[in-house]
Amino acid sequence: MNFAPLTLPTSAREPPIGLFHAEDFRLTTGTCADCATIPQALWYFADETIAVPRAGLPVAGFTHGIEPHQDVLRWAAAQVPGASSALPPLVWLAAPMVLRGARLSSGGQRVESAGRSWSFSVVPKIPLNRSYYDNVSIAFLAQRPLMLRGTTRDGNFTARVIWPEDFRLDFAAAAQPIEPNATALHSLVRAEPRGGAQSPFAAMTLWERTRGAARTWENAPVLAAILNGAQGDDDEAHGGHFALITGRVGTDGAIGDWLTNNFYTLDSFSEKGIIAAMTPLDNYLGDLNSGQAWYRPSYLIVAILKNERIASHIQGALGRVYNQFYRHQLRYDHATMNCASISIDVLRALGWRIRARGPSSHLLAAVGLPYFAIRNRSIAKAEQMYDYLTEDRTRLFPAVAFEEIGSDLLQFATGQASHPLSSFEAMLAEDLDALVFLRVPQLPSSRAWGDYPVVSWREYSARVPADPSLKQIIPVPERPFPENLRDPDLLPPPRRASARAVAIWALLSVIGIPWLAWRWWRNRTKGRPNS
């Protein structure tokens, strides 16, 4: 399929895709027959616009017959940070055409860009999606310049992605330093009512190497972490979402072309059409169905770097992990291998020793296992609760991962790290030029307003209705992975800790508890006289 992208950039050169040159990619769909991308990855994007590396260019690989964590460890041991030139296996662009600097008419009927005008429409709402773009969206978006991804036909532009271009870095913002710890990041996320869902976009400079100097950030490489807040209409989404980002600062501080590494379950169809992928930040946040900004506020901690070697190293490792993810060697699990878990594991494998906050409660998990099974009438749900309570909170909660990464970046920058730095951490500390916090509000629509994400089970329990019948949960259909795409070298999934706990309780119920009851009965009857 041969696309002709309609791009109207402000300069002669098309903006990059993350850290990569746009001209190193070509547009296609998942039906591509001559792509170097593995078939398992292409399968998920049969009807989607993607960018794939041009023929002859190096593409991220993977190692057969090995766990993904070990794959990253071996790859990192053989790589000098910044030396890898491998391109991502694919980037999800969502639509083939782009308008930049676009303006929507006050009634939302037309759009203009670079002296041209089109009638305007948006892609349909996915049936399972509960809310959508409406008149309040139009009123908000008509006030600002926009970047649009979509298609044109017969003088009409149909938008798939809408991104406000005034959501960008502020080169003139006054410095607002904070304490270099997780508590300060925690407070910053919660500083505005409802986590800033209805507050203006904000860009705050938390630290810079040379205060008072001109900020020459344009085209500088960046490494960022994004935290998405809680949804206001889904009781399974109070924990938020998390992703790692790399890219370059765009013209006048633009951030939409940064590459977001979104890990999400592959084995069910999202009610909003989300597909796990590397994708530009504008699509990650602004896709009319799947964009995170349409249903909750978001927060970014952005490291502006003097050298791209660390960001490139992380992106190279993530390319390998995506291959293992699409081929199902790495399986998504909400408790033990979610968006935060996968990202934290990659960083730790590369040498970033992100602090583990530890589990919520091993004791509660062990003692409560039979109670959870009886209450939910499900061993599987009891096992999941056990795994939630025993998992390292840094890997479990997106907000905790965000706070610990942000805390480390602030400590690296200010020379206040709590431990001797690894070679990876020392390199990152050396390359830091500035740290910026961004707060992205929820885009107005018919959806309920979101909030900041929770960081503990106590907070989660306080938000969820005690009556199960009152919980807002969106059932979604399964997406079975085709058997013909399963490689023969796939290793079985690791045994979960909850499976061992269930086995112990089963043994107790069959042998231990009857034995204890017999001992109790024997002790009670031992001293009684014979009748």
Protein backbone atom coordinates (compact mmCIF):
# COMPACT_ATOMS: atom_id res chain seq x y z
CA MET A 1 0.00 0.00 0.00
CA ASN A 2 1.57 3.29 -1.05
CA PHE A 3 0.66 6.40 0.95
CA ALA A 4 1.40 10.02 0.08
CA PRO A 5 1.50 11.80 3.44
CA LEU A 6 0.04 15.29 3.41
CA THR A 7 2.50 17.09 5.66
CA LEU A 8 2.79 20.81 6.07
CA PRO A 9 5.85 21.23 8.33
CA THR A 10 7.17 24.59 9.43
CA SER A 11 10.59 23.73 8.02
CA ALA A 12 11.82 21.90 4.95
CA ARG A 13 12.67 18.79 6.94
CA GLU A 14 9.95 16.57 8.35
CA PRO A 15 10.09 16.27 12.17
CA PRO A 16 11.72 13.11 13.50
CA ILE A 17 9.98 10.02 14.85
CA GLY A 18 11.33 10.07 18.36
CA LEU A 19 15.13 10.00 18.08
CA PHE A 20 14.97 8.66 14.52
CA HIS A 21 14.95 10.41 11.13
CA ALA A 22 11.53 10.28 9.48
CA GLU A 23 13.13 9.48 6.13
CA ASP A 24 14.40 6.16 7.56
CA PHE A 25 10.81 4.88 7.61
CA ARG A 26 8.06 4.18 5.10
CA LEU A 27 4.31 4.10 5.66
CA THR A 28 2.36 0.87 5.29
CA THR A 29 -0.09 -1.30 7.22
CA GLY A 30 0.23 -4.63 8.99
CA THR A 31 -0.57 -6.42 5.71
CA CYS A 32 2.91 -5.48 4.47
CA ALA A 33 4.52 -8.47 2.72
CA ASP A 34 8.08 -7.15 2.43
CA CYS A 35 8.71 -5.64 5.88
CA ALA A 36 11.58 -6.70 8.12
CA THR A 37 9.16 -6.50 11.07
CA ILE A 38 8.27 -9.86 12.62
CA PRO A 39 4.85 -11.24 11.48
CA GLN A 40 3.54 -11.42 15.04
CA ALA A 41 3.86 -7.65 15.36
CA LEU A 42 2.32 -6.95 11.96
CA TRP A 43 -0.70 -9.12 12.80
CA TYR A 44 -1.98 -6.58 15.33
CA PHE A 45 -1.89 -3.72 12.82
CA ALA A 46 -3.52 -5.24 9.73
CA ASP A 47 -5.89 -2.27 9.37
CA GLU A 48 -3.67 0.40 10.94
CA THR A 49 -1.19 2.90 9.52
CA ILE A 50 2.31 2.10 10.73
CA ALA A 51 5.83 3.25 9.94
CA VAL A 52 8.43 0.52 9.35
CA PRO A 53 12.17 0.79 8.64
CA ARG A 54 13.16 1.16 5.01
CA ALA A 55 14.82 -1.80 3.33
CA GLY A 56 18.48 -2.30 4.17
CA LEU A 57 18.42 -0.42 7.50
CA PRO A 58 19.11 -2.21 10.80
CA VAL A 59 16.03 -3.26 12.79
CA ALA A 60 15.75 -4.21 16.47
CA GLY A 61 16.05 -7.96 16.96
CA PHE A 62 15.65 -10.47 19.80
CA THR A 63 17.14 -13.74 21.00
CA HIS A 64 15.21 -16.99 20.59
CA GLY A 65 14.65 -19.36 23.50
CA ILE A 66 15.42 -16.90 26.27
CA GLU A 67 13.44 -14.84 28.76
CA PRO A 68 13.10 -11.15 27.76
CA HIS A 69 14.90 -9.90 30.89
CA GLN A 70 17.90 -12.09 30.11
CA ASP A 71 17.73 -10.97 26.49
CA VAL A 72 18.07 -7.31 27.54
CA LEU A 73 20.85 -8.13 30.03
CA ARG A 74 22.92 -9.93 27.37
CA TRP A 75 22.27 -7.25 24.76
CA ALA A 76 23.21 -4.44 27.15
CA ALA A 77 26.42 -6.21 28.21
CA ALA A 78 27.55 -6.25 24.57
CA GLN A 79 26.47 -2.67 23.74
CA VAL A 80 28.12 0.67 24.36
CA PRO A 81 25.30 3.16 25.12
CA GLY A 82 24.53 5.12 21.98
CA ALA A 83 26.30 2.70 19.64
CA SER A 84 23.18 0.82 18.50
CA SER A 85 21.56 2.21 15.35
CA ALA A 86 18.73 -0.35 15.15
CA LEU A 87 15.35 1.10 14.27
CA PRO A 88 12.07 0.14 15.99
CA PRO A 89 10.27 -2.86 14.44
CA LEU A 90 7.27 -0.60 13.84
CA VAL A 91 5.74 2.69 14.97
CA TRP A 92 1.96 3.07 15.16
CA LEU A 93 1.02 6.34 13.43
CA ALA A 94 -2.77 5.71 13.26
CA ALA A 95 -3.28 7.79 10.07
CA PRO A 96 -1.23 8.54 6.95
CA MET A 97 -1.72 12.32 6.69
CA VAL A 98 -0.66 15.16 8.95
CA LEU A 99 -1.70 18.80 9.25
CA ARG A 100 0.40 21.08 11.44
CA GLY A 101 -0.53 24.54 12.63
CA ALA A 102 -4.18 23.78 11.87
CA ARG A 103 -7.10 25.90 13.06
CA LEU A 104 -10.59 24.58 13.65
CA SER A 105 -13.55 26.86 12.93
CA SER A 106 -15.64 27.92 15.94
CA GLY A 107 -18.40 25.48 15.01
CA GLY A 108 -15.99 22.68 14.16
CA GLN A 109 -17.20 22.46 10.56
CA ARG A 110 -13.97 23.42 8.81
CA VAL A 111 -10.21 23.29 9.34
CA GLU A 112 -7.48 25.49 7.85
CA SER A 113 -3.73 25.01 7.58
CA ALA A 114 -1.04 26.85 5.59
CA GLY A 115 -3.61 28.73 3.52
CA ARG A 116 -5.67 25.66 2.62
CA SER A 117 -9.14 24.77 3.89
CA TRP A 118 -11.15 21.55 4.21
CA SER A 119 -14.53 20.58 5.60
CA PHE A 120 -13.89 18.75 8.87
CA SER A 121 -15.09 15.52 10.46
CA VAL A 122 -13.78 12.99 12.98
CA VAL A 123 -13.53 9.19 12.86
CA PRO A 124 -16.50 7.33 14.41
CA LYS A 125 -16.60 6.39 18.06
CA ILE A 126 -15.74 2.76 18.77
CA PRO A 127 -18.99 1.10 19.97
CA LEU A 128 -17.54 0.01 23.35
CA ASN A 129 -16.18 3.50 24.04
CA ARG A 130 -18.57 5.14 26.52
CA SER A 131 -17.85 8.79 25.70
CA TYR A 132 -16.56 10.91 22.85
CA TYR A 133 -15.62 14.22 21.25
CA ASP A 134 -18.53 16.69 21.38
CA ASN A 135 -19.37 20.40 21.35
CA VAL A 136 -17.33 21.14 24.48
CA SER A 137 -14.35 19.53 22.71
CA ILE A 138 -14.86 21.81 19.70
CA ALA A 139 -15.08 24.91 21.91
CA PHE A 140 -11.81 23.99 23.64
CA LEU A 141 -9.89 23.02 20.50
CA ALA A 142 -11.01 25.96 18.34
CA GLN A 143 -9.05 28.30 20.63
CA ARG A 144 -5.61 26.87 19.83
CA PRO A 145 -3.31 25.65 17.02
CA LEU A 146 -3.62 21.93 16.35
CA MET A 147 -1.70 19.02 14.89
CA LEU A 148 -4.06 16.60 13.16
CA ARG A 149 -3.54 13.05 11.87
CA GLY A 150 -6.15 11.76 9.47
CA THR A 151 -7.21 11.30 5.85
CA THR A 152 -8.61 13.52 3.11
CA ARG A 153 -11.26 12.75 0.53
CA ASP A 154 -13.34 15.01 -1.73
CA GLY A 155 -12.29 18.17 0.10
CA ASN A 156 -12.93 16.76 3.58
CA PHE A 157 -10.36 16.09 6.29
CA THR A 158 -11.32 13.28 8.69
CA ALA A 159 -9.30 13.49 11.89
CA ARG A 160 -8.09 10.42 13.77
CA VAL A 161 -5.79 12.34 16.15
CA ILE A 162 -6.17 15.87 17.51
CA TRP A 163 -3.24 17.34 19.45
CA PRO A 164 -3.10 20.92 20.86
CA GLU A 165 0.22 22.36 19.66
CA ASP A 166 0.34 24.87 22.51
CA PHE A 167 0.98 21.92 24.85
CA ARG A 168 4.79 22.28 24.68
CA LEU A 169 7.92 23.04 26.68
CA ASP A 170 8.23 26.64 27.86
CA PHE A 171 11.72 27.99 27.19
CA ALA A 172 10.98 31.10 29.28
CA ALA A 173 9.33 29.48 32.31
CA ALA A 174 10.69 30.54 35.67
CA ALA A 175 12.55 27.81 37.57
CA GLN A 176 10.47 26.04 40.22
CA PRO A 177 12.87 23.73 42.08
CA ILE A 178 11.52 20.99 44.36
CA GLU A 179 13.11 18.64 46.87
CA PRO A 180 14.86 15.68 45.20
CA ASN A 181 12.61 12.96 46.59
CA ALA A 182 9.55 10.91 45.72
CA THR A 183 7.37 12.83 48.19
CA ALA A 184 7.89 16.05 46.25
CA LEU A 185 6.87 14.37 42.97
CA HIS A 186 3.87 12.86 44.73
CA SER A 187 2.76 16.32 45.88
CA LEU A 188 3.36 17.87 42.46
CA VAL A 189 1.05 15.35 40.77
CA ARG A 190 -1.68 16.13 43.33
CA ALA A 191 -1.17 19.90 43.53
CA GLU A 192 -4.25 20.74 41.44
CA PRO A 193 -7.90 19.73 42.08
CA ARG A 194 -8.68 16.34 40.49
CA GLY A 195 -5.02 16.01 39.60
CA GLY A 196 -5.26 18.91 37.15
CA ALA A 197 -7.85 17.28 34.90
CA GLN A 198 -9.53 20.67 34.39
CA SER A 199 -6.47 22.87 35.01
CA PRO A 200 -4.44 24.61 32.28
CA PHE A 201 -1.49 22.85 30.68
CA ALA A 202 1.64 23.56 32.73
CA ALA A 203 5.38 23.34 32.01
CA MET A 204 7.67 23.77 35.05
CA THR A 205 11.45 23.74 35.03
CA LEU A 206 12.48 21.84 38.16
CA TRP A 207 16.25 21.95 37.65
CA GLU A 208 18.77 23.15 35.08
CA ARG A 209 22.51 22.78 35.02
CA THR A 210 23.20 26.46 34.29
CA ARG A 211 20.53 28.68 35.81
CA GLY A 212 19.91 31.97 34.06
CA ALA A 213 21.51 30.88 30.79
CA ALA A 214 19.57 30.87 27.53
CA ARG A 215 17.72 27.57 27.09
CA THR A 216 19.01 26.11 23.85
CA TRP A 217 16.78 23.07 24.07
CA GLU A 218 15.53 22.86 20.50
CA ASN A 219 16.57 19.53 18.92
CA ALA A 220 18.03 18.36 22.24
CA PRO A 221 17.46 14.65 23.02
CA VAL A 222 15.01 13.83 25.79
CA LEU A 223 14.21 10.91 28.05
CA ALA A 224 10.86 11.12 29.82
CA ALA A 225 8.40 9.12 31.88
CA ILE A 226 4.67 9.72 31.52
CA LEU A 227 2.07 8.96 34.17
CA ASN A 228 -1.60 8.95 33.20
CA GLY A 229 -4.15 9.53 35.94
CA ALA A 230 -7.27 7.71 37.04
CA GLN A 231 -10.36 7.49 34.87
CA GLY A 232 -13.56 8.96 36.21
CA ASP A 233 -15.80 6.26 34.74
CA ASP A 234 -13.85 3.01 35.13
CA ASP A 235 -13.17 1.44 38.53
CA GLU A 236 -10.44 -0.75 37.04
CA ALA A 237 -8.39 2.31 36.02
CA HIS A 238 -7.69 4.14 39.31
CA GLY A 239 -4.05 3.03 39.20
CA GLY A 240 -3.40 5.00 36.02
CA HIS A 241 -0.95 4.06 33.28
CA PHE A 242 2.78 4.51 32.62
CA ALA A 243 5.20 4.68 29.69
CA LEU A 244 8.78 5.63 28.85
CA ILE A 245 9.43 8.27 26.16
CA THR A 246 12.40 9.28 24.01
CA GLY A 247 12.74 11.94 21.36
CA ARG A 248 13.99 15.41 20.56
CA VAL A 249 12.68 18.82 21.54
CA GLY A 250 10.78 20.16 18.55
CA THR A 251 10.38 23.64 17.13
CA ASP A 252 9.50 26.12 19.91
CA GLY A 253 9.42 23.27 22.44
CA ALA A 254 7.05 20.92 20.56
CA ILE A 255 6.63 17.49 22.16
CA GLY A 256 4.11 15.69 19.92
CA ASP A 257 6.71 13.76 17.88
CA TRP A 258 8.31 12.12 20.92
CA LEU A 259 8.15 8.31 20.82
CA THR A 260 6.01 6.77 23.58
CA ASN A 261 6.57 3.13 24.49
CA ASN A 262 3.09 1.97 25.46
CA PHE A 263 2.77 -1.54 26.87
CA TYR A 264 -0.83 -2.72 27.14
CA THR A 265 -2.54 -6.10 27.16
CA LEU A 266 -2.55 -7.77 23.74
CA ASP A 267 -4.97 -10.57 24.57
CA SER A 268 -8.18 -8.55 24.62
CA PHE A 269 -9.66 -5.81 22.46
CA SER A 270 -9.52 -2.47 24.21
CA GLU A 271 -12.85 -0.67 24.43
CA LYS A 272 -11.02 2.36 23.06
CA GLY A 273 -8.94 0.63 20.39
CA ILE A 274 -5.62 0.86 22.24
CA ILE A 275 -2.87 -1.34 20.79
CA ALA A 276 0.43 -1.79 22.59
CA ALA A 277 3.09 -0.09 20.47
CA MET A 278 5.72 2.54 20.08
CA THR A 279 3.70 5.57 19.02
CA PRO A 280 4.16 9.36 18.78
CA LEU A 281 3.11 11.20 21.93
CA ASP A 282 0.42 13.10 20.00
CA ASN A 283 -1.23 9.79 19.06
CA TYR A 284 -0.76 8.28 22.53
CA LEU A 285 -2.54 11.24 24.09
CA GLY A 286 -4.73 12.62 21.31
CA ASP A 287 -6.22 9.71 19.31
CA LEU A 288 -9.95 10.40 19.39
CA ASN A 289 -10.75 6.91 20.71
CA SER A 290 -7.59 5.60 22.36
CA GLY A 291 -5.85 8.82 23.39
CA GLN A 292 -5.12 8.94 27.12
CA ALA A 293 -5.77 12.70 27.31
CA TRP A 294 -9.40 12.19 26.34
CA TYR A 295 -10.18 10.42 29.62
CA ARG A 296 -7.69 11.47 32.31
CA PRO A 297 -4.95 14.00 33.18
CA SER A 298 -1.30 13.11 32.55
CA TYR A 299 2.08 14.10 33.97
CA LEU A 300 5.58 13.95 32.49
CA ILE A 301 9.00 14.19 34.07
CA VAL A 302 11.30 15.17 31.19
CA ALA A 303 15.09 14.90 31.23
CA ILE A 304 16.62 17.20 28.61
CA LEU A 305 19.99 15.73 27.70
CA LYS A 306 23.29 16.93 26.26
CA ASN A 307 23.83 13.57 24.56
CA GLU A 308 21.36 11.03 23.17
CA ARG A 309 23.38 7.93 24.17
CA ILE A 310 21.29 6.98 27.24
CA ALA A 311 17.93 7.66 25.56
CA SER A 312 19.06 5.73 22.49
CA HIS A 313 20.27 2.83 24.66
CA ILE A 314 16.90 2.60 26.42
CA GLN A 315 15.01 2.82 23.14
CA GLY A 316 17.16 0.05 21.67
CA ALA A 317 16.40 -2.23 24.60
CA LEU A 318 12.68 -1.48 24.32
CA GLY A 319 12.77 -2.47 20.65
CA ARG A 320 13.92 -5.96 21.64
CA VAL A 321 11.29 -6.18 24.38
CA TYR A 322 8.52 -5.27 21.93
CA ASN A 323 9.57 -8.15 19.68
CA GLN A 324 9.38 -10.56 22.62
CA PHE A 325 6.06 -9.00 23.64
CA TYR A 326 4.40 -9.37 20.24
CA ARG A 327 5.57 -12.97 19.90
CA HIS A 328 4.18 -13.73 23.39
CA GLN A 329 7.43 -14.66 25.08
CA LEU A 330 6.58 -11.74 27.37
CA ARG A 331 2.97 -11.88 28.58
CA TYR A 332 1.14 -8.86 29.97
CA ASP A 333 -0.30 -9.33 33.46
CA HIS A 334 -2.01 -6.58 35.46
CA ALA A 335 -0.42 -7.67 38.74
CA THR A 336 3.06 -8.92 37.85
CA MET A 337 3.90 -7.66 34.33
CA ASN A 338 2.03 -4.46 33.55
CA CYS A 339 3.02 -1.17 31.89
CA ALA A 340 5.09 -0.11 34.91
CA SER A 341 6.60 -3.57 35.53
CA ILE A 342 7.89 -3.98 31.98
CA SER A 343 9.37 -0.48 31.87
CA ILE A 344 11.02 -0.74 35.30
CA ASP A 345 12.48 -4.16 34.43
CA VAL A 346 14.09 -2.74 31.27
CA LEU A 347 15.67 0.16 33.16
CA ARG A 348 16.95 -2.10 35.93
CA ALA A 349 18.41 -4.52 33.38
CA LEU A 350 20.36 -1.63 31.83
CA GLY A 351 21.83 -0.61 35.20
CA TRP A 352 19.39 1.97 36.57
CA ARG A 353 18.88 0.77 40.16
CA ILE A 354 15.41 2.15 40.74
CA ARG A 355 14.35 1.74 44.36
CA ALA A 356 11.90 -1.04 45.20
CA ARG A 357 9.21 0.06 47.66
CA GLY A 358 8.40 -3.53 48.49
CA PRO A 359 5.07 -5.36 48.63
CA SER A 360 1.84 -4.07 50.12
CA SER A 361 1.56 -7.00 52.58
CA HIS A 362 2.80 -10.58 52.41
CA LEU A 363 0.88 -11.39 55.61
CA LEU A 364 -2.46 -10.06 54.35
CA ALA A 365 -1.96 -11.88 51.06
CA ALA A 366 -1.24 -15.22 52.75
CA VAL A 367 -3.93 -15.03 55.41
CA GLY A 368 -6.53 -13.52 53.10
CA LEU A 369 -6.15 -15.97 50.21
CA PRO A 370 -9.03 -18.29 51.22
CA TYR A 371 -11.21 -15.28 52.06
CA PHE A 372 -10.61 -13.76 48.60
CA ALA A 373 -11.44 -17.11 47.00
CA ILE A 374 -14.73 -17.43 48.90
CA ARG A 375 -15.74 -13.80 48.44
CA ASN A 376 -15.07 -13.81 44.70
CA ARG A 377 -16.05 -17.46 44.18
CA SER A 378 -12.91 -17.78 42.10
CA ILE A 379 -9.48 -19.25 42.78
CA ALA A 380 -8.10 -17.24 39.82
CA LYS A 381 -9.27 -13.94 41.33
CA ALA A 382 -7.87 -14.92 44.71
CA GLU A 383 -4.52 -15.68 43.08
CA GLN A 384 -4.58 -12.30 41.34
CA MET A 385 -5.26 -10.52 44.64
CA TYR A 386 -2.37 -12.41 46.23
CA ASP A 387 -0.08 -11.29 43.42
CA TYR A 388 -1.24 -7.68 43.75
CA LEU A 389 -0.50 -7.64 47.48
CA THR A 390 2.93 -9.30 47.21
CA GLU A 391 4.30 -7.46 44.14
CA ASP A 392 6.90 -4.70 44.51
CA ARG A 393 4.86 -1.49 44.48
CA THR A 394 7.38 0.19 42.18
CA ARG A 395 6.56 -2.42 39.53
CA LEU A 396 2.85 -2.55 40.38
CA PHE A 397 1.66 1.06 40.64
CA PRO A 398 2.37 3.43 37.71
CA ALA A 399 2.41 6.42 40.09
CA VAL A 400 5.06 4.82 42.31
CA ALA A 401 7.23 4.03 39.27
CA PHE A 402 6.88 7.66 38.17
CA GLU A 403 7.78 9.01 41.62
CA GLU A 404 10.84 6.78 41.99
CA ILE A 405 12.16 7.58 38.49
CA GLY A 406 11.57 11.30 39.02
CA SER A 407 13.23 11.17 42.43
CA ASP A 408 16.30 9.47 40.96
CA LEU A 409 16.57 12.03 38.16
CA LEU A 410 16.42 14.90 40.67
CA GLN A 411 19.03 13.21 42.89
CA PHE A 412 21.34 12.48 39.93
CA ALA A 413 21.03 16.11 38.84
CA THR A 414 21.73 17.60 42.28
CA GLY A 415 24.41 15.11 43.31
CA GLN A 416 22.31 13.76 46.19
CA ALA A 417 21.95 10.11 45.16
CA SER A 418 21.44 7.74 48.11
CA HIS A 419 23.80 5.10 46.66
CA PRO A 420 27.01 4.96 44.59
CA LEU A 421 26.04 5.37 40.94
CA SER A 422 26.31 2.53 38.46
CA SER A 423 28.07 3.29 35.19
CA PHE A 424 24.66 3.72 33.51
CA GLU A 425 23.45 6.10 36.23
CA ALA A 426 26.71 8.07 36.17
CA MET A 427 26.42 8.52 32.41
CA LEU A 428 22.82 9.69 32.77
CA ALA A 429 23.78 12.13 35.54
CA GLU A 430 26.59 13.51 33.37
CA ASP A 431 24.24 14.05 30.41
CA LEU A 432 21.44 15.81 32.29
CA ASP A 433 20.95 19.42 31.21
CA ALA A 434 17.50 20.19 32.65
CA LEU A 435 14.49 18.53 34.26
CA VAL A 436 10.99 19.67 33.39
CA PHE A 437 7.59 18.66 34.78
CA LEU A 438 4.60 18.80 32.42
CA ARG A 439 0.96 18.55 33.42
CA VAL A 440 -1.40 17.72 30.56
CA PRO A 441 -5.10 18.32 31.33
CA GLN A 442 -7.88 16.01 30.24
CA LEU A 443 -9.31 17.10 26.90
CA PRO A 444 -12.98 18.10 27.37
CA SER A 445 -15.58 15.69 25.96
CA SER A 446 -18.69 13.87 27.15
CA ARG A 447 -16.49 11.74 29.45
CA ALA A 448 -16.47 12.14 33.24
CA TRP A 449 -13.44 13.98 34.62
CA GLY A 450 -10.50 11.87 35.75
CA ASP A 451 -8.20 12.36 38.74
CA TYR A 452 -4.69 11.62 39.98
CA PRO A 453 -3.78 7.90 40.20
CA VAL A 454 -3.57 5.95 43.45
CA VAL A 455 -0.30 4.71 44.99
CA SER A 456 -1.62 2.08 47.40
CA TRP A 457 -4.33 -0.50 47.95
CA ARG A 458 -5.74 1.66 50.74
CA GLU A 459 -6.30 4.51 48.27
CA TYR A 460 -7.70 2.17 45.67
CA SER A 461 -10.18 0.66 48.14
CA ALA A 462 -11.35 4.13 49.17
CA ARG A 463 -12.30 4.97 45.57
CA VAL A 464 -14.02 1.74 44.57
CA PRO A 465 -17.64 1.15 45.69
CA ALA A 466 -17.91 -1.50 48.39
CA ASP A 467 -20.96 -2.95 46.64
CA PRO A 468 -19.67 -4.94 43.62
CA SER A 469 -22.87 -4.20 41.70
CA LEU A 470 -22.02 -0.48 41.74
CA LYS A 471 -18.55 -0.86 40.26
CA GLN A 472 -18.04 0.62 36.80
CA ILE A 473 -16.32 -2.09 34.77
CA ILE A 474 -16.24 -2.31 30.98
CA PRO A 475 -16.29 -5.91 29.70
CA VAL A 476 -14.09 -6.40 26.64
CA PRO A 477 -13.85 -9.33 24.20
CA GLU A 478 -10.79 -11.56 24.10
CA ARG A 479 -8.30 -11.41 21.25
CA PRO A 480 -6.85 -14.94 20.87
CA PHE A 481 -3.31 -15.09 19.53
CA PRO A 482 -3.15 -17.30 16.38
CA GLU A 483 -1.49 -20.64 17.00
CA ASN A 484 0.34 -20.46 13.67
CA LEU A 485 2.20 -17.37 14.93
CA ARG A 486 3.54 -19.08 18.05
CA ASP A 487 7.25 -19.78 17.60
CA PRO A 488 8.39 -23.26 18.70
CA ASP A 489 11.11 -21.82 20.95
CA LEU A 490 8.66 -20.05 23.33
CA LEU A 491 9.43 -20.81 26.97
CA PRO A 492 6.57 -21.56 29.40
CA PRO A 493 5.55 -18.62 31.59
CA PRO A 494 7.24 -18.47 35.01
CA ARG A 495 5.28 -19.98 37.89
CA ARG A 496 3.43 -17.34 39.86
CA ALA A 497 3.95 -16.91 43.61
CA SER A 498 0.19 -17.16 44.08
CA ALA A 499 0.18 -20.70 42.63
CA ARG A 500 2.53 -21.84 45.41
CA ALA A 501 0.35 -20.10 48.01
CA VAL A 502 -2.77 -21.86 46.72
CA ALA A 503 -0.93 -25.21 46.83
CA ILE A 504 0.05 -24.60 50.46
CA TRP A 505 -3.52 -23.69 51.44
CA ALA A 506 -4.83 -26.74 49.60
CA LEU A 507 -2.40 -28.95 51.51
CA LEU A 508 -3.47 -27.35 54.78
CA SER A 509 -7.14 -27.81 54.01
CA VAL A 510 -6.73 -31.49 53.13
CA ILE A 511 -4.18 -32.50 55.77
CA GLY A 512 -3.20 -29.69 58.10
CA ILE A 513 -6.57 -28.34 59.18
CA PRO A 514 -8.13 -31.79 59.81
CA TRP A 515 -5.00 -32.74 61.78
CA LEU A 516 -5.22 -29.57 63.90
CA ALA A 517 -8.93 -30.22 64.49
CA TRP A 518 -8.15 -33.82 65.56
CA ARG A 519 -5.44 -32.61 67.95
CA TRP A 520 -7.83 -30.06 69.45
CA TRP A 521 -10.56 -32.69 69.87
CA ARG A 522 -8.11 -35.16 71.42
CA ASN A 523 -6.80 -32.61 73.91
CA ARG A 524 -10.36 -31.71 74.90
CA THR A 525 -11.39 -35.31 75.46
CA LYS A 526 -8.17 -36.56 77.05
CA GLY A 527 -9.03 -35.56 80.58
CA ARG A 528 -12.70 -36.61 80.55
CA PRO A 529 -13.69 -39.66 82.72
CA ASN A 530 -15.03 -42.74 80.97
CA SER A 531 -18.79 -43.05 81.21
